[in-house]
Amino acid sequence: MLRSVGAIVFGARTYRMFADYWPQADPVAEPVAVPIRELPKFVVSSTLAAAPWDADQSATVLRGDGVAAVRGLRERIDGDLVIWGSLTLVDALLGAGEVDMLRLRVVPVLLGGGRPLAPPGTATRRWRLARVESFGGGVAVLEYHALA
């Protein structure tokens, strides 16, 4: 999944969760630890003064409008941008029509409540199912590409 990724973008809350775990994650137990550690990281935030990752690396904090920040990154970064979690940022990007691929992980647990994937008022957009991958425990990853 990360082969085509040029950078990871987070909102502040998701960045904090990642920074608490992934810099020390064991690459034997977590095969994605190495690419997560090595890829450039950006945090869209109006509250973080800095975004340290580990002793050798920090994430770059992007201020201002998240949609404009991601558009600017697209012009500077070779490869795809992955927005991991970061629902507020994803809501803004979906609302602006800036998302061209969705990779959804389905975990078979009934919560009884939650929130919609797209915020109310998001323009209708059509998607094509491009790939399905299943894993143990009934987990599935669904990849959708936006139709023009």
N, C-alpha and C. Protein backbone atom coordinates (compact mmCIF):
# COMPACT_ATOMS: atom_id res chain seq x y z
N MET A 1 0.82 -1.19 0.00
CA MET A 1 0.00 0.00 0.00
C MET A 1 0.86 1.26 0.00
N LEU A 2 2.00 1.23 0.64
CA LEU A 2 2.80 2.45 0.78
C LEU A 2 3.84 2.63 -0.32
N ARG A 3 3.94 1.70 -1.28
CA ARG A 3 4.96 1.81 -2.32
C ARG A 3 4.85 3.08 -3.15
N SER A 4 3.63 3.52 -3.43
CA SER A 4 3.44 4.71 -4.28
C SER A 4 3.33 6.00 -3.47
N VAL A 5 3.43 5.91 -2.16
CA VAL A 5 3.22 7.07 -1.29
C VAL A 5 4.50 7.90 -1.19
N GLY A 6 4.35 9.21 -1.38
CA GLY A 6 5.48 10.13 -1.25
C GLY A 6 5.51 10.83 0.09
N ALA A 7 4.38 10.90 0.79
CA ALA A 7 4.32 11.55 2.10
C ALA A 7 3.03 11.16 2.80
N ILE A 8 3.06 11.28 4.13
CA ILE A 8 1.89 11.03 4.97
C ILE A 8 1.43 12.37 5.52
N VAL A 9 0.12 12.59 5.50
CA VAL A 9 -0.46 13.82 6.03
C VAL A 9 -1.42 13.44 7.16
N PHE A 10 -1.33 14.17 8.26
CA PHE A 10 -2.16 13.92 9.42
C PHE A 10 -2.85 15.20 9.85
N GLY A 11 -3.95 15.05 10.56
CA GLY A 11 -4.46 16.12 11.40
C GLY A 11 -3.73 16.01 12.74
N ALA A 12 -3.87 16.99 13.60
CA ALA A 12 -3.11 17.01 14.86
C ALA A 12 -3.42 15.82 15.75
N ARG A 13 -4.69 15.47 15.88
CA ARG A 13 -5.07 14.37 16.78
C ARG A 13 -4.48 13.04 16.32
N THR A 14 -4.61 12.75 15.04
CA THR A 14 -4.06 11.49 14.52
C THR A 14 -2.54 11.50 14.58
N TYR A 15 -1.93 12.64 14.29
CA TYR A 15 -0.47 12.74 14.41
C TYR A 15 -0.01 12.34 15.82
N ARG A 16 -0.68 12.87 16.84
CA ARG A 16 -0.28 12.56 18.22
C ARG A 16 -0.36 11.05 18.49
N MET A 17 -1.41 10.41 17.99
CA MET A 17 -1.55 8.96 18.19
C MET A 17 -0.41 8.22 17.48
N PHE A 18 -0.11 8.61 16.25
CA PHE A 18 0.97 7.96 15.50
C PHE A 18 2.32 8.20 16.17
N ALA A 19 2.59 9.44 16.57
CA ALA A 19 3.88 9.79 17.16
C ALA A 19 4.11 9.09 18.50
N ASP A 20 3.02 8.74 19.19
CA ASP A 20 3.15 8.00 20.45
C ASP A 20 3.53 6.54 20.23
N TYR A 21 3.22 5.99 19.06
CA TYR A 21 3.43 4.56 18.84
C TYR A 21 4.49 4.22 17.79
N TRP A 22 4.36 4.79 16.58
CA TRP A 22 5.13 4.31 15.44
C TRP A 22 6.64 4.55 15.49
N PRO A 23 7.16 5.60 16.08
CA PRO A 23 8.63 5.75 16.09
C PRO A 23 9.34 4.60 16.80
N GLN A 24 8.70 3.96 17.78
CA GLN A 24 9.31 2.85 18.51
C GLN A 24 8.76 1.49 18.09
N ALA A 25 7.87 1.44 17.13
CA ALA A 25 7.25 0.17 16.73
C ALA A 25 8.30 -0.79 16.18
N ASP A 26 8.17 -2.04 16.55
CA ASP A 26 9.08 -3.09 16.11
C ASP A 26 8.75 -3.47 14.66
N PRO A 27 9.70 -3.28 13.72
CA PRO A 27 9.42 -3.59 12.32
C PRO A 27 9.17 -5.08 12.06
N VAL A 28 9.60 -5.94 12.96
CA VAL A 28 9.32 -7.37 12.79
C VAL A 28 7.84 -7.63 13.06
N ALA A 29 7.31 -7.01 14.10
CA ALA A 29 5.90 -7.18 14.44
C ALA A 29 4.99 -6.31 13.58
N GLU A 30 5.49 -5.17 13.13
CA GLU A 30 4.71 -4.20 12.36
C GLU A 30 5.45 -3.90 11.06
N PRO A 31 5.22 -4.66 9.99
CA PRO A 31 5.97 -4.46 8.74
C PRO A 31 5.88 -3.06 8.15
N VAL A 32 4.82 -2.31 8.45
CA VAL A 32 4.71 -0.95 7.90
C VAL A 32 5.49 0.07 8.73
N ALA A 33 6.12 -0.35 9.82
CA ALA A 33 6.84 0.59 10.68
C ALA A 33 7.96 1.30 9.94
N VAL A 34 8.70 0.58 9.11
CA VAL A 34 9.83 1.19 8.41
C VAL A 34 9.36 2.26 7.42
N PRO A 35 8.42 1.94 6.52
CA PRO A 35 8.00 3.03 5.63
C PRO A 35 7.33 4.19 6.36
N ILE A 36 6.58 3.91 7.39
CA ILE A 36 5.98 5.01 8.16
C ILE A 36 7.08 5.86 8.78
N ARG A 37 8.09 5.24 9.29
CA ARG A 37 9.20 5.96 9.91
C ARG A 37 9.96 6.80 8.87
N GLU A 38 10.13 6.26 7.65
CA GLU A 38 10.99 6.90 6.66
C GLU A 38 10.29 7.94 5.79
N LEU A 39 9.00 7.82 5.59
CA LEU A 39 8.29 8.77 4.72
C LEU A 39 8.22 10.16 5.36
N PRO A 40 8.29 11.21 4.54
CA PRO A 40 8.07 12.55 5.09
C PRO A 40 6.66 12.64 5.67
N LYS A 41 6.54 13.38 6.77
CA LYS A 41 5.26 13.52 7.45
C LYS A 41 4.91 15.00 7.57
N PHE A 42 3.62 15.29 7.37
CA PHE A 42 3.11 16.65 7.47
C PHE A 42 1.88 16.62 8.37
N VAL A 43 1.74 17.66 9.19
CA VAL A 43 0.60 17.76 10.10
C VAL A 43 -0.13 19.07 9.82
N VAL A 44 -1.40 18.98 9.46
CA VAL A 44 -2.23 20.16 9.29
C VAL A 44 -2.78 20.51 10.66
N SER A 45 -2.36 21.66 11.19
CA SER A 45 -2.76 22.02 12.55
C SER A 45 -2.67 23.52 12.78
N SER A 46 -3.63 24.01 13.53
CA SER A 46 -3.56 25.40 13.98
C SER A 46 -3.12 25.48 15.44
N THR A 47 -2.92 24.31 16.08
CA THR A 47 -2.60 24.30 17.50
C THR A 47 -1.19 23.81 17.82
N LEU A 48 -0.61 22.96 16.99
CA LEU A 48 0.72 22.43 17.29
C LEU A 48 1.81 23.45 16.95
N ALA A 49 2.72 23.68 17.88
CA ALA A 49 3.85 24.56 17.61
C ALA A 49 4.95 23.79 16.87
N ALA A 50 5.09 22.51 17.18
CA ALA A 50 6.08 21.65 16.54
C ALA A 50 5.53 20.23 16.53
N ALA A 51 6.14 19.37 15.71
CA ALA A 51 5.66 18.00 15.60
C ALA A 51 6.83 17.02 15.58
N PRO A 52 7.50 16.85 16.73
CA PRO A 52 8.63 15.92 16.78
C PRO A 52 8.16 14.49 16.56
N TRP A 53 8.96 13.72 15.84
CA TRP A 53 8.62 12.32 15.56
C TRP A 53 9.51 11.41 16.38
N ASP A 54 10.80 11.56 16.23
CA ASP A 54 11.77 10.82 17.04
C ASP A 54 13.01 11.69 17.15
N ALA A 55 14.12 11.13 17.63
CA ALA A 55 15.32 11.94 17.83
C ALA A 55 15.88 12.50 16.53
N ASP A 56 15.59 11.84 15.40
CA ASP A 56 16.18 12.23 14.12
C ASP A 56 15.22 12.94 13.17
N GLN A 57 13.95 12.98 13.48
CA GLN A 57 12.98 13.44 12.49
C GLN A 57 11.82 14.17 13.15
N SER A 58 11.31 15.15 12.44
CA SER A 58 10.08 15.84 12.86
C SER A 58 9.14 15.89 11.67
N ALA A 59 7.87 16.00 11.95
CA ALA A 59 6.89 16.25 10.90
C ALA A 59 6.84 17.75 10.67
N THR A 60 6.53 18.15 9.47
CA THR A 60 6.38 19.56 9.14
C THR A 60 4.95 19.98 9.46
N VAL A 61 4.80 21.04 10.23
CA VAL A 61 3.48 21.55 10.57
C VAL A 61 3.02 22.50 9.47
N LEU A 62 1.83 22.26 8.95
CA LEU A 62 1.23 23.10 7.92
C LEU A 62 0.11 23.90 8.56
N ARG A 63 0.17 25.19 8.45
CA ARG A 63 -0.83 26.07 9.06
C ARG A 63 -1.83 26.55 8.01
N GLY A 64 -2.93 27.07 8.48
CA GLY A 64 -3.92 27.64 7.57
C GLY A 64 -4.89 26.59 7.07
N ASP A 65 -5.46 26.87 5.93
CA ASP A 65 -6.48 26.02 5.33
C ASP A 65 -5.90 24.67 4.95
N GLY A 66 -6.50 23.59 5.47
CA GLY A 66 -6.00 22.24 5.20
C GLY A 66 -6.10 21.85 3.74
N VAL A 67 -7.18 22.26 3.08
CA VAL A 67 -7.35 21.93 1.66
C VAL A 67 -6.25 22.59 0.84
N ALA A 68 -5.99 23.86 1.09
CA ALA A 68 -4.93 24.57 0.37
C ALA A 68 -3.57 23.96 0.67
N ALA A 69 -3.34 23.56 1.92
CA ALA A 69 -2.08 22.94 2.29
C ALA A 69 -1.85 21.64 1.54
N VAL A 70 -2.88 20.82 1.43
CA VAL A 70 -2.75 19.54 0.73
C VAL A 70 -2.57 19.78 -0.77
N ARG A 71 -3.29 20.74 -1.32
CA ARG A 71 -3.08 21.08 -2.74
C ARG A 71 -1.64 21.49 -2.99
N GLY A 72 -1.08 22.29 -2.10
CA GLY A 72 0.32 22.71 -2.23
C GLY A 72 1.28 21.54 -2.14
N LEU A 73 0.99 20.60 -1.24
CA LEU A 73 1.85 19.41 -1.12
C LEU A 73 1.82 18.57 -2.39
N ARG A 74 0.65 18.45 -3.01
CA ARG A 74 0.54 17.67 -4.24
C ARG A 74 1.51 18.18 -5.30
N GLU A 75 1.73 19.48 -5.33
CA GLU A 75 2.63 20.08 -6.32
C GLU A 75 4.10 19.84 -5.98
N ARG A 76 4.42 19.62 -4.70
CA ARG A 76 5.82 19.49 -4.26
C ARG A 76 6.28 18.07 -4.03
N ILE A 77 5.37 17.15 -3.80
CA ILE A 77 5.73 15.79 -3.39
C ILE A 77 5.61 14.84 -4.58
N ASP A 78 6.67 14.06 -4.80
CA ASP A 78 6.58 12.98 -5.79
C ASP A 78 5.87 11.81 -5.14
N GLY A 79 4.88 11.27 -5.81
CA GLY A 79 4.13 10.14 -5.27
C GLY A 79 2.82 10.59 -4.68
N ASP A 80 2.08 9.60 -4.19
CA ASP A 80 0.77 9.86 -3.61
C ASP A 80 0.89 10.45 -2.21
N LEU A 81 -0.13 11.16 -1.81
CA LEU A 81 -0.27 11.59 -0.42
C LEU A 81 -1.28 10.68 0.24
N VAL A 82 -0.95 10.18 1.41
CA VAL A 82 -1.93 9.38 2.16
C VAL A 82 -2.34 10.21 3.37
N ILE A 83 -3.65 10.33 3.55
CA ILE A 83 -4.20 10.99 4.73
C ILE A 83 -4.66 9.84 5.61
N TRP A 84 -4.04 9.68 6.76
CA TRP A 84 -4.34 8.53 7.62
C TRP A 84 -5.25 9.00 8.73
N GLY A 85 -6.45 8.42 8.81
CA GLY A 85 -7.39 8.86 9.85
C GLY A 85 -7.76 10.31 9.59
N SER A 86 -7.54 11.16 10.58
CA SER A 86 -7.66 12.61 10.41
C SER A 86 -9.00 13.02 9.80
N LEU A 87 -10.08 12.64 10.48
CA LEU A 87 -11.42 12.80 9.92
C LEU A 87 -11.80 14.24 9.61
N THR A 88 -11.37 15.19 10.40
CA THR A 88 -11.70 16.59 10.11
C THR A 88 -11.05 17.02 8.80
N LEU A 89 -9.79 16.66 8.60
CA LEU A 89 -9.10 16.98 7.37
C LEU A 89 -9.72 16.24 6.18
N VAL A 90 -10.04 14.97 6.36
CA VAL A 90 -10.66 14.20 5.28
C VAL A 90 -12.03 14.80 4.92
N ASP A 91 -12.79 15.21 5.91
CA ASP A 91 -14.08 15.86 5.64
C ASP A 91 -13.87 17.07 4.73
N ALA A 92 -12.89 17.91 5.06
CA ALA A 92 -12.64 19.11 4.27
C ALA A 92 -12.20 18.74 2.85
N LEU A 93 -11.35 17.74 2.72
CA LEU A 93 -10.87 17.33 1.40
C LEU A 93 -11.99 16.70 0.57
N LEU A 94 -12.83 15.88 1.19
CA LEU A 94 -13.97 15.31 0.48
C LEU A 94 -14.91 16.43 0.02
N GLY A 95 -15.19 17.37 0.90
CA GLY A 95 -16.07 18.48 0.57
C GLY A 95 -15.54 19.33 -0.58
N ALA A 96 -14.22 19.41 -0.71
CA ALA A 96 -13.59 20.21 -1.77
C ALA A 96 -13.36 19.39 -3.05
N GLY A 97 -13.74 18.11 -3.02
CA GLY A 97 -13.53 17.26 -4.20
C GLY A 97 -12.08 16.91 -4.44
N GLU A 98 -11.25 16.93 -3.40
CA GLU A 98 -9.81 16.70 -3.53
C GLU A 98 -9.38 15.26 -3.30
N VAL A 99 -10.31 14.36 -3.04
CA VAL A 99 -9.96 12.96 -2.79
C VAL A 99 -10.18 12.18 -4.06
N ASP A 100 -9.14 11.49 -4.54
CA ASP A 100 -9.29 10.70 -5.76
C ASP A 100 -9.27 9.20 -5.51
N MET A 101 -8.93 8.78 -4.28
CA MET A 101 -8.97 7.37 -3.93
C MET A 101 -9.36 7.24 -2.47
N LEU A 102 -10.20 6.27 -2.19
CA LEU A 102 -10.55 5.93 -0.81
C LEU A 102 -10.09 4.50 -0.56
N ARG A 103 -9.38 4.29 0.53
CA ARG A 103 -9.03 2.93 0.94
C ARG A 103 -9.66 2.75 2.31
N LEU A 104 -10.69 1.93 2.34
CA LEU A 104 -11.47 1.75 3.56
C LEU A 104 -11.20 0.37 4.14
N ARG A 105 -10.92 0.33 5.42
CA ARG A 105 -10.74 -0.93 6.12
C ARG A 105 -12.04 -1.24 6.86
N VAL A 106 -12.61 -2.39 6.57
CA VAL A 106 -13.85 -2.81 7.21
C VAL A 106 -13.49 -3.84 8.27
N VAL A 107 -13.84 -3.52 9.51
CA VAL A 107 -13.58 -4.41 10.64
C VAL A 107 -14.95 -4.84 11.17
N PRO A 108 -15.24 -6.14 11.19
CA PRO A 108 -16.59 -6.60 11.52
C PRO A 108 -16.91 -6.51 13.02
N VAL A 109 -17.15 -5.28 13.47
CA VAL A 109 -17.58 -5.02 14.84
C VAL A 109 -18.76 -4.07 14.76
N LEU A 110 -19.87 -4.43 15.35
CA LEU A 110 -21.04 -3.56 15.34
C LEU A 110 -20.96 -2.60 16.52
N LEU A 111 -20.97 -1.32 16.20
CA LEU A 111 -20.85 -0.30 17.23
C LEU A 111 -22.20 0.24 17.66
N GLY A 112 -23.18 0.18 16.77
CA GLY A 112 -24.50 0.70 17.10
C GLY A 112 -24.63 2.19 16.89
N GLY A 113 -23.60 2.85 16.45
CA GLY A 113 -23.65 4.29 16.20
C GLY A 113 -22.39 4.71 15.51
N GLY A 114 -22.29 5.95 15.21
CA GLY A 114 -21.09 6.45 14.56
C GLY A 114 -21.41 7.68 13.74
N ARG A 115 -20.56 7.92 12.80
CA ARG A 115 -20.74 9.10 11.95
C ARG A 115 -20.65 8.67 10.51
N PRO A 116 -21.24 9.43 9.61
CA PRO A 116 -21.13 9.09 8.19
C PRO A 116 -19.70 9.32 7.70
N LEU A 117 -19.33 8.63 6.65
CA LEU A 117 -17.99 8.79 6.08
C LEU A 117 -17.79 10.22 5.58
N ALA A 118 -18.77 10.74 4.85
CA ALA A 118 -18.68 12.10 4.33
C ALA A 118 -19.59 13.01 5.15
N PRO A 119 -19.14 14.23 5.38
CA PRO A 119 -19.97 15.14 6.17
C PRO A 119 -21.23 15.56 5.42
N PRO A 120 -22.27 15.94 6.15
CA PRO A 120 -23.48 16.43 5.49
C PRO A 120 -23.14 17.60 4.56
N GLY A 121 -23.79 17.62 3.41
CA GLY A 121 -23.55 18.71 2.46
C GLY A 121 -22.44 18.42 1.46
N THR A 122 -21.72 17.29 1.63
CA THR A 122 -20.67 16.95 0.67
C THR A 122 -21.33 16.60 -0.66
N ALA A 123 -20.80 17.17 -1.73
CA ALA A 123 -21.36 16.91 -3.05
C ALA A 123 -21.29 15.42 -3.36
N THR A 124 -22.32 14.91 -4.03
CA THR A 124 -22.35 13.51 -4.42
C THR A 124 -21.24 13.26 -5.44
N ARG A 125 -20.53 12.19 -5.25
CA ARG A 125 -19.46 11.81 -6.16
C ARG A 125 -19.56 10.31 -6.37
N ARG A 126 -19.32 9.88 -7.57
CA ARG A 126 -19.40 8.46 -7.89
C ARG A 126 -18.01 7.84 -7.77
N TRP A 127 -17.99 6.58 -7.31
CA TRP A 127 -16.74 5.86 -7.07
C TRP A 127 -16.80 4.50 -7.73
N ARG A 128 -15.65 4.00 -8.17
CA ARG A 128 -15.54 2.67 -8.77
C ARG A 128 -14.71 1.80 -7.83
N LEU A 129 -15.25 0.62 -7.51
CA LEU A 129 -14.51 -0.33 -6.68
C LEU A 129 -13.35 -0.86 -7.52
N ALA A 130 -12.12 -0.62 -7.07
CA ALA A 130 -10.93 -1.00 -7.83
C ALA A 130 -10.26 -2.25 -7.28
N ARG A 131 -10.39 -2.48 -5.98
CA ARG A 131 -9.69 -3.62 -5.39
C ARG A 131 -10.35 -4.01 -4.07
N VAL A 132 -10.35 -5.30 -3.81
CA VAL A 132 -10.83 -5.83 -2.53
C VAL A 132 -9.77 -6.82 -2.04
N GLU A 133 -9.42 -6.68 -0.78
CA GLU A 133 -8.46 -7.61 -0.18
C GLU A 133 -9.02 -8.05 1.16
N SER A 134 -8.99 -9.35 1.41
CA SER A 134 -9.51 -9.83 2.70
C SER A 134 -8.38 -10.37 3.55
N PHE A 135 -8.58 -10.26 4.85
CA PHE A 135 -7.58 -10.66 5.84
C PHE A 135 -8.27 -11.50 6.91
N GLY A 136 -7.50 -12.06 7.80
CA GLY A 136 -8.04 -12.85 8.89
C GLY A 136 -9.00 -12.05 9.75
N GLY A 137 -9.89 -12.78 10.40
CA GLY A 137 -10.84 -12.14 11.30
C GLY A 137 -11.96 -11.41 10.58
N GLY A 138 -12.08 -11.62 9.27
CA GLY A 138 -13.15 -10.96 8.51
C GLY A 138 -12.84 -9.54 8.09
N VAL A 139 -11.62 -9.08 8.32
CA VAL A 139 -11.24 -7.72 7.93
C VAL A 139 -11.10 -7.67 6.40
N ALA A 140 -11.60 -6.60 5.80
CA ALA A 140 -11.47 -6.40 4.36
C ALA A 140 -11.01 -4.97 4.10
N VAL A 141 -10.20 -4.81 3.07
CA VAL A 141 -9.80 -3.48 2.62
C VAL A 141 -10.41 -3.27 1.25
N LEU A 142 -11.17 -2.19 1.12
CA LEU A 142 -11.84 -1.85 -0.13
C LEU A 142 -11.20 -0.58 -0.68
N GLU A 143 -10.78 -0.65 -1.93
CA GLU A 143 -10.17 0.53 -2.55
C GLU A 143 -11.09 1.04 -3.65
N TYR A 144 -11.47 2.30 -3.55
CA TYR A 144 -12.35 2.94 -4.51
C TYR A 144 -11.60 4.08 -5.20
N HIS A 145 -11.82 4.23 -6.51
CA HIS A 145 -11.26 5.35 -7.26
C HIS A 145 -12.40 6.25 -7.69
N ALA A 146 -12.17 7.55 -7.62
CA ALA A 146 -13.19 8.52 -8.01
C ALA A 146 -13.39 8.48 -9.50
N LEU A 147 -14.64 8.59 -9.92
CA LEU A 147 -14.96 8.70 -11.35
C LEU A 147 -15.00 10.18 -11.70
N ALA A 148 -14.57 10.49 -12.89
CA ALA A 148 -14.51 11.90 -13.33
C ALA A 148 -15.88 12.53 -13.39
